[in-house]
Amino acid sequence: MSKKSSLEPKMSGGSQATETTPLVPKGEGDGGNGSDKGTGLTVNQAALLVAGEMAGSGVLALPRALVKTGWIGVPIIILMAVMAAFSGKRLGDCWSIIEGRDPEMRSRKRNPYAIIADQALGKTWSAVVSLAIIVSLFGAAVVYLLLAAQIIEQVFMSLIPTVTFCAWYMIVAGAMTPLMLFGTPKDFSFTGVIAFFSTLVACVLYFIQMMNDVRPFVFRWGIHGFQDFFLAFGTIMFAFGGASTFPTIQNDMADKSMFSKSVHYSFLAILALYLPIAIAGYGVYGESVGSNVAMSLSATPLTLVGNIFMAIHLVSAFIIIINPVCQEMEELYNIPRDSVGYRTLVRLSIMAAIMFIGESIPRFYTILALVGGTTVALLTFVLPSYCYLNLVNQPPREGQQAVETQGWIKLVCWEIIVMGVVGGAAATFSAVSAIFSTAQATPCYFK
């Protein structure tokens, strides 16, 4: 018999859930009138949230990753996309299994990934997942704001050259603070649309500018070693590391069983953005391409407009990725959903920490690779398949059938787990070596 999670309170309102309780109760969010409106995210909205959350950092960082891997990096990018999509599907299946076994799980939860780990692996792993989500998304949030500040500084360089990068970081972080107060993804589904389509426009403009920058026989491609290769590998992992937000987004869907379709749509869209920019950026600029490809483009009106749209994406995606961190912290402190004051206090403290880290370490490439090789590898490539295999192998509850899965799925799960562990360890080693073998950036408050 499966255990009930201690991470969530039991359903309130006096009515007990039964085996026939719908996965998303009618009337939740619509005032109880039973209409379908307002009950959660659609398939397309969830796909846009997933794609919008992941696309920005990969677009900007993958051209430099190809410098360190060579052209073999192209099939690696495709392989990592397939693995991440497969893992996302397994996470969705995990939640479906849990809801099928425990009707009280058939309502929206603030920490669904931690609940999956609790049901599949136990309370210790649940705590590990919560910590990993906080570290992963917190680090990604810092990276996104650093990138946004760098691009905005470039946009306004000619108008207000006296404003430094460090000042722009504080300005961007301050502007994002009010938007952090949204409750859950269903409260800001519009940001997924903004984040994805702003990235799409930026990528089109960047690609056109890259084609205008083509200069034959100017740049050469070098040969890089083990450390550089796996530093790039960690960056590629980070580019597809959105799984920590998947359960939160799925949990806000009107039909959670359709999450796998959202994952498929989103990863197809992400690959359509990543591959042209990565290949063109490496092919046109070669070894000279920067860690942020936007800084390598010629200064033209096309680049300016593209930078504006990319900045819009980064700040929109920031709202998506920081929300699970906020919900995890609120769950840790047992803050009621309707307690606006305490919720605001927690989220302001999170933003203060983001400001401090960004001002202390004003660079992103090695941080990005380190996060990709550690928490992203764990949450996106190791735990989804491992949790799924453990849930499938658990004995069914009385009166329920055992979960059956095909043998090839189990084999692929184990292959992804091994690749996640080995690749993540190598990427982590390379990132740590790079951090300690290069001069550290001076904190902004010492300048």
Protein backbone atom coordinates (compact mmCIF):
# COMPACT_ATOMS: atom_id res chain seq x y z
CA MET A 1 0.00 0.00 0.00
CA SER A 2 1.46 3.32 -0.98
CA LYS A 3 2.05 5.89 1.69
CA LYS A 4 0.54 9.34 1.79
CA SER A 5 2.86 12.28 1.53
CA SER A 6 3.49 14.23 4.72
CA LEU A 7 4.61 17.18 2.63
CA GLU A 8 1.05 18.38 1.93
CA PRO A 9 -1.89 18.94 4.22
CA LYS A 10 -4.97 16.83 3.72
CA MET A 11 -7.79 18.18 1.61
CA SER A 12 -9.96 20.58 3.49
CA GLY A 13 -13.58 21.54 3.20
CA GLY A 14 -15.01 18.54 5.02
CA SER A 15 -15.28 16.23 1.97
CA GLN A 16 -12.95 13.27 1.64
CA ALA A 17 -11.46 12.38 -1.73
CA THR A 18 -12.39 9.01 -3.20
CA GLU A 19 -11.16 6.84 -6.04
CA THR A 20 -13.58 8.66 -8.37
CA THR A 21 -12.31 12.13 -7.49
CA PRO A 22 -11.38 13.88 -10.78
CA LEU A 23 -7.71 14.69 -11.32
CA VAL A 24 -8.61 18.40 -11.45
CA PRO A 25 -11.80 19.17 -9.57
CA LYS A 26 -14.41 21.15 -11.42
CA GLY A 27 -14.92 24.61 -10.07
CA GLU A 28 -11.38 25.04 -8.71
CA GLY A 29 -10.52 28.58 -9.57
CA ASP A 30 -13.94 29.38 -11.03
CA GLY A 31 -15.82 30.10 -7.87
CA GLY A 32 -17.23 26.61 -7.64
CA ASN A 33 -19.75 27.01 -10.44
CA GLY A 34 -18.50 23.91 -12.21
CA SER A 35 -17.47 25.55 -15.45
CA ASP A 36 -14.32 24.56 -17.27
CA LYS A 37 -13.02 28.09 -17.41
CA GLY A 38 -10.24 29.03 -15.05
CA THR A 39 -9.50 25.45 -14.01
CA GLY A 40 -5.87 25.50 -15.13
CA LEU A 41 -3.36 25.76 -17.93
CA THR A 42 -4.07 24.39 -21.39
CA VAL A 43 -1.65 22.17 -23.31
CA ASN A 44 -0.42 25.11 -25.37
CA GLN A 45 -0.02 27.39 -22.35
CA ALA A 46 2.01 24.75 -20.53
CA ALA A 47 4.17 24.18 -23.64
CA LEU A 48 4.85 27.91 -23.92
CA LEU A 49 5.79 28.11 -20.24
CA VAL A 50 8.25 25.21 -20.63
CA ALA A 51 9.75 26.55 -23.86
CA GLY A 52 9.81 30.15 -22.66
CA GLU A 53 11.53 29.21 -19.42
CA MET A 54 14.37 27.27 -21.08
CA ALA A 55 15.08 28.94 -24.39
CA GLY A 56 17.02 32.12 -23.54
CA SER A 57 20.22 30.97 -21.87
CA GLY A 58 20.73 28.18 -24.42
CA VAL A 59 20.36 30.52 -27.38
CA LEU A 60 23.00 32.83 -25.96
CA ALA A 61 25.47 30.24 -24.60
CA LEU A 62 25.39 27.31 -27.05
CA PRO A 63 27.52 28.91 -29.81
CA ARG A 64 30.39 29.18 -27.31
CA ALA A 65 29.72 25.60 -26.19
CA LEU A 66 30.25 24.44 -29.77
CA VAL A 67 33.63 26.18 -29.75
CA LYS A 68 34.72 23.84 -26.96
CA THR A 69 33.15 20.65 -28.36
CA GLY A 70 33.61 21.19 -32.09
CA TRP A 71 30.95 20.04 -34.54
CA ILE A 72 30.33 16.91 -32.45
CA GLY A 73 28.44 19.29 -30.18
CA VAL A 74 25.54 19.46 -32.67
CA PRO A 75 24.47 15.81 -32.26
CA ILE A 76 25.13 16.18 -28.52
CA ILE A 77 22.64 19.05 -28.38
CA ILE A 78 20.04 16.95 -30.19
CA LEU A 79 20.72 13.93 -27.95
CA MET A 80 20.41 16.01 -24.77
CA ALA A 81 17.12 17.45 -26.02
CA VAL A 82 15.73 13.96 -26.61
CA MET A 83 16.94 12.79 -23.19
CA ALA A 84 15.48 15.81 -21.42
CA ALA A 85 12.14 15.40 -23.21
CA PHE A 86 12.07 11.69 -22.30
CA SER A 87 12.82 12.59 -18.67
CA GLY A 88 10.09 15.22 -18.68
CA LYS A 89 7.61 12.60 -19.88
CA ARG A 90 8.70 10.29 -17.05
CA LEU A 91 8.11 13.05 -14.48
CA GLY A 92 4.60 13.51 -15.84
CA ASP A 93 4.02 9.76 -15.62
CA CYS A 94 5.26 9.78 -12.00
CA TRP A 95 2.63 12.31 -11.01
CA SER A 96 -0.10 10.38 -12.85
CA ILE A 97 0.88 7.22 -10.96
CA ILE A 98 0.78 9.05 -7.64
CA GLU A 99 -2.63 10.56 -8.36
CA GLY A 100 -3.95 7.16 -9.43
CA ARG A 101 -2.86 5.62 -6.13
CA ASP A 102 -3.82 8.42 -3.78
CA PRO A 103 -6.97 10.45 -4.52
CA GLU A 104 -5.88 13.13 -2.05
CA MET A 105 -3.08 14.02 -4.45
CA ARG A 106 -5.68 15.03 -7.06
CA SER A 107 -5.48 18.70 -6.23
CA ARG A 108 -2.87 21.34 -6.92
CA LYS A 109 0.28 21.14 -4.81
CA ARG A 110 3.04 23.67 -4.21
CA ASN A 111 5.91 21.16 -4.21
CA PRO A 112 5.01 18.32 -6.59
CA TYR A 113 8.59 17.27 -7.44
CA ALA A 114 9.39 16.84 -3.75
CA ILE A 115 6.20 14.78 -3.35
CA ILE A 116 7.25 12.55 -6.28
CA ALA A 117 10.65 11.97 -4.63
CA ASP A 118 8.97 11.28 -1.27
CA GLN A 119 6.60 8.70 -2.76
CA ALA A 120 9.29 7.04 -4.88
CA LEU A 121 12.47 7.25 -2.78
CA GLY A 122 11.60 8.44 0.72
CA LYS A 123 11.77 11.59 2.80
CA THR A 124 15.55 12.01 2.57
CA TRP A 125 15.41 12.24 -1.22
CA SER A 126 12.45 14.56 -0.96
CA ALA A 127 14.59 16.96 1.05
CA VAL A 128 17.43 16.55 -1.47
CA VAL A 129 15.06 17.42 -4.33
CA SER A 130 13.74 20.49 -2.55
CA LEU A 131 17.29 21.71 -1.92
CA ALA A 132 18.39 20.92 -5.48
CA ILE A 133 15.41 22.80 -6.95
CA ILE A 134 16.20 25.85 -4.84
CA VAL A 135 19.90 25.78 -5.79
CA SER A 136 19.27 25.05 -9.48
CA LEU A 137 16.57 27.62 -10.10
CA PHE A 138 18.16 30.20 -7.83
CA GLY A 139 21.39 29.89 -9.80
CA ALA A 140 19.49 30.05 -13.09
CA ALA A 141 17.63 33.15 -11.91
CA VAL A 142 20.93 34.88 -11.14
CA VAL A 143 22.28 33.90 -14.58
CA TYR A 144 19.16 35.19 -16.34
CA LEU A 145 19.35 38.57 -14.62
CA LEU A 146 23.09 38.84 -15.31
CA LEU A 147 22.46 38.15 -18.99
CA ALA A 148 19.57 40.62 -19.06
CA ALA A 149 21.69 43.31 -17.43
CA GLN A 150 24.54 42.66 -19.88
CA ILE A 151 22.22 42.96 -22.88
CA ILE A 152 20.41 46.03 -21.54
CA GLU A 153 23.77 47.71 -20.90
CA GLN A 154 24.65 47.02 -24.54
CA VAL A 155 21.32 48.47 -25.72
CA PHE A 156 21.74 51.72 -23.79
CA MET A 157 25.52 52.00 -24.16
CA SER A 158 25.40 54.93 -26.58
CA LEU A 159 22.68 56.79 -24.66
CA ILE A 160 23.86 56.48 -21.05
CA PRO A 161 27.42 55.10 -21.09
CA THR A 162 28.05 56.11 -17.47
CA VAL A 163 25.66 53.50 -16.06
CA THR A 164 27.73 50.42 -15.26
CA PHE A 165 26.84 46.76 -15.64
CA CYS A 166 26.56 46.40 -11.86
CA ALA A 167 24.08 49.28 -11.73
CA TRP A 168 22.03 47.78 -14.54
CA TYR A 169 21.87 44.49 -12.62
CA MET A 170 20.36 46.29 -9.62
CA ILE A 171 17.90 48.16 -11.85
CA VAL A 172 16.73 44.98 -13.59
CA ALA A 173 16.42 43.08 -10.31
CA GLY A 174 14.45 45.91 -8.76
CA ALA A 175 12.08 46.05 -11.72
CA MET A 176 11.44 42.29 -11.47
CA THR A 177 10.62 42.32 -7.77
CA PRO A 178 6.87 43.18 -8.07
CA LEU A 179 6.39 40.43 -10.70
CA MET A 180 7.76 37.84 -8.25
CA LEU A 181 4.61 38.21 -6.16
CA PHE A 182 2.45 36.15 -8.53
CA GLY A 183 1.25 33.02 -6.74
CA THR A 184 1.64 30.06 -9.14
CA PRO A 185 2.25 29.54 -12.89
CA LYS A 186 -1.48 29.71 -13.67
CA ASP A 187 -1.42 33.31 -12.39
CA PHE A 188 1.14 34.38 -14.99
CA SER A 189 0.65 32.05 -17.96
CA PHE A 190 0.91 35.13 -20.20
CA THR A 191 4.64 35.34 -19.42
CA GLY A 192 5.16 32.03 -21.22
CA VAL A 193 3.77 33.58 -24.39
CA ILE A 194 5.90 36.70 -23.96
CA ALA A 195 9.04 34.72 -23.13
CA PHE A 196 8.77 32.33 -26.06
CA PHE A 197 7.76 34.73 -28.81
CA SER A 198 10.26 37.38 -27.75
CA THR A 199 12.97 34.70 -28.03
CA LEU A 200 11.64 33.68 -31.43
CA VAL A 201 11.85 37.25 -32.75
CA ALA A 202 15.31 37.74 -31.22
CA CYS A 203 16.60 34.51 -32.79
CA VAL A 204 15.32 35.46 -36.24
CA LEU A 205 17.02 38.87 -36.00
CA TYR A 206 20.23 37.38 -34.62
CA PHE A 207 20.34 34.79 -37.42
CA ILE A 208 19.87 37.44 -40.11
CA GLN A 209 22.67 39.51 -38.58
CA MET A 210 24.93 36.46 -38.43
CA MET A 211 24.38 35.88 -42.14
CA ASN A 212 25.30 39.53 -42.76
CA ASP A 213 28.48 39.05 -40.70
CA VAL A 214 29.77 36.11 -42.75
CA ARG A 215 33.39 36.71 -43.75
CA PRO A 216 35.03 33.75 -45.54
CA PHE A 217 38.44 32.45 -44.45
CA VAL A 218 38.70 34.76 -41.47
CA PHE A 219 38.08 32.56 -38.42
CA ARG A 220 39.55 29.17 -37.55
CA TRP A 221 38.37 26.41 -35.28
CA GLY A 222 40.71 25.20 -32.56
CA ILE A 223 41.09 21.92 -30.70
CA HIS A 224 40.11 21.85 -27.03
CA GLY A 225 40.79 19.34 -24.29
CA PHE A 226 38.85 17.34 -21.69
CA GLN A 227 38.10 20.26 -19.38
CA ASP A 228 36.77 22.54 -22.10
CA PHE A 229 34.69 19.73 -23.64
CA PHE A 230 32.90 18.89 -20.41
CA LEU A 231 32.58 22.55 -19.45
CA ALA A 232 30.59 22.87 -22.67
CA PHE A 233 28.75 19.64 -21.83
CA GLY A 234 27.58 21.20 -18.57
CA THR A 235 26.41 24.25 -20.49
CA ILE A 236 24.39 22.05 -22.85
CA MET A 237 22.88 20.27 -19.85
CA PHE A 238 21.89 23.62 -18.39
CA ALA A 239 20.27 24.62 -21.70
CA PHE A 240 17.78 21.76 -21.33
CA GLY A 241 17.51 21.87 -17.55
CA GLY A 242 13.91 22.89 -17.07
CA ALA A 243 12.68 19.71 -15.43
CA SER A 244 12.70 21.24 -11.95
CA THR A 245 9.77 23.44 -13.01
CA PHE A 246 7.90 20.73 -14.96
CA PRO A 247 5.90 19.25 -12.04
CA THR A 248 4.86 22.73 -10.90
CA ILE A 249 3.63 23.60 -14.40
CA GLN A 250 1.94 20.20 -14.83
CA ASN A 251 0.25 20.60 -11.46
CA ASP A 252 -1.43 23.78 -12.69
CA MET A 253 -2.80 22.17 -15.88
CA ALA A 254 -6.51 21.61 -16.36
CA ASP A 255 -5.75 18.09 -17.67
CA LYS A 256 -2.48 16.91 -16.14
CA SER A 257 -2.43 13.75 -18.25
CA MET A 258 -1.76 15.93 -21.32
CA PHE A 259 1.55 17.22 -19.97
CA SER A 260 3.60 14.87 -22.16
CA LYS A 261 2.12 16.52 -25.24
CA SER A 262 3.17 19.93 -23.88
CA VAL A 263 6.70 18.60 -23.36
CA HIS A 264 6.91 17.33 -26.93
CA TYR A 265 5.73 20.63 -28.38
CA SER A 266 8.08 22.67 -26.22
CA PHE A 267 11.23 20.67 -27.00
CA LEU A 268 10.56 20.73 -30.73
CA ALA A 269 10.24 24.50 -30.49
CA ILE A 270 13.40 24.81 -28.39
CA LEU A 271 15.46 22.77 -30.84
CA ALA A 272 14.14 24.90 -33.70
CA LEU A 273 15.56 27.94 -31.87
CA TYR A 274 18.79 26.41 -30.55
CA LEU A 275 20.23 24.68 -33.60
CA PRO A 276 20.24 27.55 -36.15
CA ILE A 277 21.77 30.03 -33.68
CA ALA A 278 24.33 27.57 -32.30
CA ILE A 279 25.45 26.36 -35.72
CA ALA A 280 25.46 29.82 -37.31
CA GLY A 281 27.19 31.43 -34.32
CA TYR A 282 30.00 28.87 -34.35
CA GLY A 283 30.23 28.73 -38.13
CA VAL A 284 30.40 32.51 -38.62
CA TYR A 285 32.49 33.66 -35.63
CA GLY A 286 34.47 30.50 -34.83
CA GLU A 287 36.82 30.80 -31.86
CA SER A 288 36.02 34.48 -31.44
CA VAL A 289 32.37 33.94 -30.45
CA GLY A 290 31.71 35.17 -26.91
CA SER A 291 30.11 33.32 -24.00
CA ASN A 292 27.08 35.52 -24.75
CA VAL A 293 26.69 35.37 -28.53
CA ALA A 294 24.76 38.66 -28.56
CA MET A 295 28.00 40.44 -27.66
CA SER A 296 29.70 39.03 -30.80
CA LEU A 297 27.21 40.42 -33.32
CA SER A 298 27.99 43.58 -35.26
CA ALA A 299 26.39 46.71 -33.80
CA THR A 300 23.48 47.27 -36.19
CA PRO A 301 19.77 48.12 -35.84
CA LEU A 302 18.99 44.41 -36.28
CA THR A 303 21.20 43.52 -33.33
CA LEU A 304 19.73 46.35 -31.25
CA VAL A 305 16.15 45.20 -31.77
CA GLY A 306 17.17 41.57 -31.26
CA ASN A 307 18.80 42.49 -27.95
CA ILE A 308 15.65 44.27 -26.81
CA PHE A 309 13.53 41.20 -27.49
CA MET A 310 16.09 38.92 -25.83
CA ALA A 311 16.08 41.13 -22.73
CA ILE A 312 12.27 40.86 -22.66
CA HIS A 313 12.60 37.08 -22.82
CA LEU A 314 15.14 36.89 -20.01
CA VAL A 315 13.10 38.93 -17.56
CA SER A 316 9.93 37.01 -18.48
CA ALA A 317 11.68 33.64 -18.08
CA PHE A 318 13.07 34.82 -14.76
CA ILE A 319 9.52 35.07 -13.39
CA ILE A 320 8.80 31.50 -14.50
CA ILE A 321 11.92 29.88 -13.04
CA ILE A 322 11.96 31.73 -9.73
CA ASN A 323 8.36 30.81 -8.87
CA PRO A 324 9.09 27.18 -7.84
CA VAL A 325 11.84 28.49 -5.54
CA CYS A 326 9.33 30.83 -3.92
CA GLN A 327 6.80 28.04 -3.50
CA GLU A 328 9.42 25.68 -2.04
CA MET A 329 10.47 28.29 0.53
CA GLU A 330 6.84 29.04 1.41
CA GLU A 331 6.26 25.32 1.91
CA LEU A 332 9.39 25.08 4.06
CA TYR A 333 8.11 27.85 6.34
CA ASN A 334 4.54 26.50 6.22
CA ILE A 335 3.10 29.79 4.98
CA PRO A 336 -0.63 29.62 4.11
CA ARG A 337 -1.55 30.34 0.50
CA ASP A 338 -3.77 33.25 1.48
CA SER A 339 -1.13 34.92 3.68
CA VAL A 340 -0.10 37.76 1.35
CA GLY A 341 2.10 39.49 3.93
CA TYR A 342 4.30 36.53 4.83
CA ARG A 343 4.46 35.41 1.19
CA THR A 344 5.65 38.87 0.16
CA LEU A 345 8.29 38.85 2.90
CA VAL A 346 9.68 35.48 1.77
CA ARG A 347 9.84 36.54 -1.88
CA LEU A 348 11.50 39.85 -1.10
CA SER A 349 14.17 38.02 0.89
CA ILE A 350 14.76 35.71 -2.09
CA MET A 351 15.22 38.70 -4.39
CA ALA A 352 17.65 40.27 -1.90
CA ALA A 353 19.75 37.09 -2.03
CA ILE A 354 19.65 37.11 -5.85
CA MET A 355 20.88 40.70 -5.87
CA PHE A 356 23.72 39.88 -3.48
CA ILE A 357 24.93 36.82 -5.43
CA GLY A 358 24.77 38.65 -8.76
CA GLU A 359 26.68 41.62 -7.41
CA SER A 360 29.24 39.28 -5.81
CA ILE A 361 29.87 37.07 -8.88
CA PRO A 362 29.11 39.21 -11.96
CA ARG A 363 29.82 36.50 -14.55
CA PHE A 364 27.76 33.58 -15.71
CA TYR A 365 29.43 31.00 -17.99
CA THR A 366 31.22 28.87 -15.39
CA ILE A 367 28.29 29.23 -12.96
CA LEU A 368 26.01 28.06 -15.74
CA ALA A 369 28.19 25.00 -16.41
CA LEU A 370 28.50 24.22 -12.67
CA VAL A 371 24.74 24.32 -12.14
CA GLY A 372 24.27 22.25 -15.31
CA GLY A 373 26.65 19.53 -14.11
CA THR A 374 25.26 19.30 -10.57
CA THR A 375 21.64 20.09 -9.75
CA VAL A 376 20.40 20.20 -13.35
CA ALA A 377 21.98 16.81 -14.09
CA LEU A 378 20.33 15.41 -10.96
CA LEU A 379 16.86 16.92 -11.48
CA THR A 380 16.61 16.59 -15.27
CA PHE A 381 18.59 13.48 -16.21
CA VAL A 382 18.90 11.25 -13.14
CA LEU A 383 15.93 11.51 -10.78
CA PRO A 384 13.00 11.53 -13.26
CA SER A 385 13.86 8.07 -14.60
CA TYR A 386 14.97 6.77 -11.19
CA CYS A 387 11.75 7.90 -9.50
CA TYR A 388 9.70 6.44 -12.34
CA LEU A 389 11.40 3.04 -12.10
CA ASN A 390 10.87 2.95 -8.33
CA LEU A 391 7.18 3.92 -8.59
CA VAL A 392 6.59 1.29 -11.27
CA ASN A 393 8.21 -1.40 -9.10
CA GLN A 394 6.16 -0.54 -6.00
CA PRO A 395 3.32 -2.98 -5.18
CA PRO A 396 -0.11 -1.58 -6.09
CA ARG A 397 -2.70 -0.54 -3.53
CA GLU A 398 -5.47 -2.95 -2.70
CA GLY A 399 -7.95 -3.14 -5.55
CA GLN A 400 -5.61 -1.42 -8.03
CA GLN A 401 -3.61 -2.86 -10.89
CA ALA A 402 0.17 -2.76 -11.04
CA VAL A 403 1.72 -0.19 -13.34
CA GLU A 404 3.11 -1.87 -16.43
CA THR A 405 5.80 -0.40 -18.65
CA GLN A 406 7.67 -1.70 -21.66
CA GLY A 407 11.16 -3.12 -21.32
CA TRP A 408 12.74 -0.64 -23.72
CA ILE A 409 11.50 2.24 -21.59
CA LYS A 410 13.22 0.79 -18.52
CA LEU A 411 16.42 0.30 -20.53
CA VAL A 412 16.40 3.89 -21.77
CA CYS A 413 15.73 5.09 -18.22
CA TRP A 414 18.88 3.36 -16.96
CA GLU A 415 20.94 4.64 -19.89
CA ILE A 416 19.87 8.22 -19.16
CA ILE A 417 20.63 7.77 -15.46
CA VAL A 418 24.17 6.55 -16.23
CA MET A 419 24.79 9.32 -18.76
CA GLY A 420 23.46 11.90 -16.33
CA VAL A 421 25.73 10.71 -13.51
CA VAL A 422 28.89 10.36 -15.62
CA GLY A 423 28.36 13.49 -17.72
CA GLY A 424 27.30 15.55 -14.71
CA ALA A 425 30.34 14.48 -12.69
CA ALA A 426 32.73 15.32 -15.54
CA ALA A 427 31.01 18.68 -16.16
CA THR A 428 31.15 19.53 -12.45
CA PHE A 429 34.87 18.72 -12.27
CA SER A 430 35.55 20.86 -15.34
CA ALA A 431 33.48 23.79 -14.03
CA VAL A 432 35.15 23.73 -10.60
CA SER A 433 38.58 23.52 -12.25
CA ALA A 434 37.73 26.48 -14.48
CA ILE A 435 36.51 28.55 -11.52
CA PHE A 436 39.71 28.01 -9.53
CA SER A 437 42.11 28.20 -12.47
CA THR A 438 40.99 31.64 -13.70
CA ALA A 439 40.98 35.04 -12.09
CA GLN A 440 37.84 35.68 -10.13
CA ALA A 441 35.67 38.61 -11.14
CA THR A 442 35.77 41.50 -8.68
CA PRO A 443 32.48 41.90 -6.78
CA CYS A 444 30.52 44.96 -7.80
CA TYR A 445 30.51 46.42 -4.29
CA PHE A 446 34.36 46.50 -4.27
CA LYS A 447 34.61 48.50 -7.50
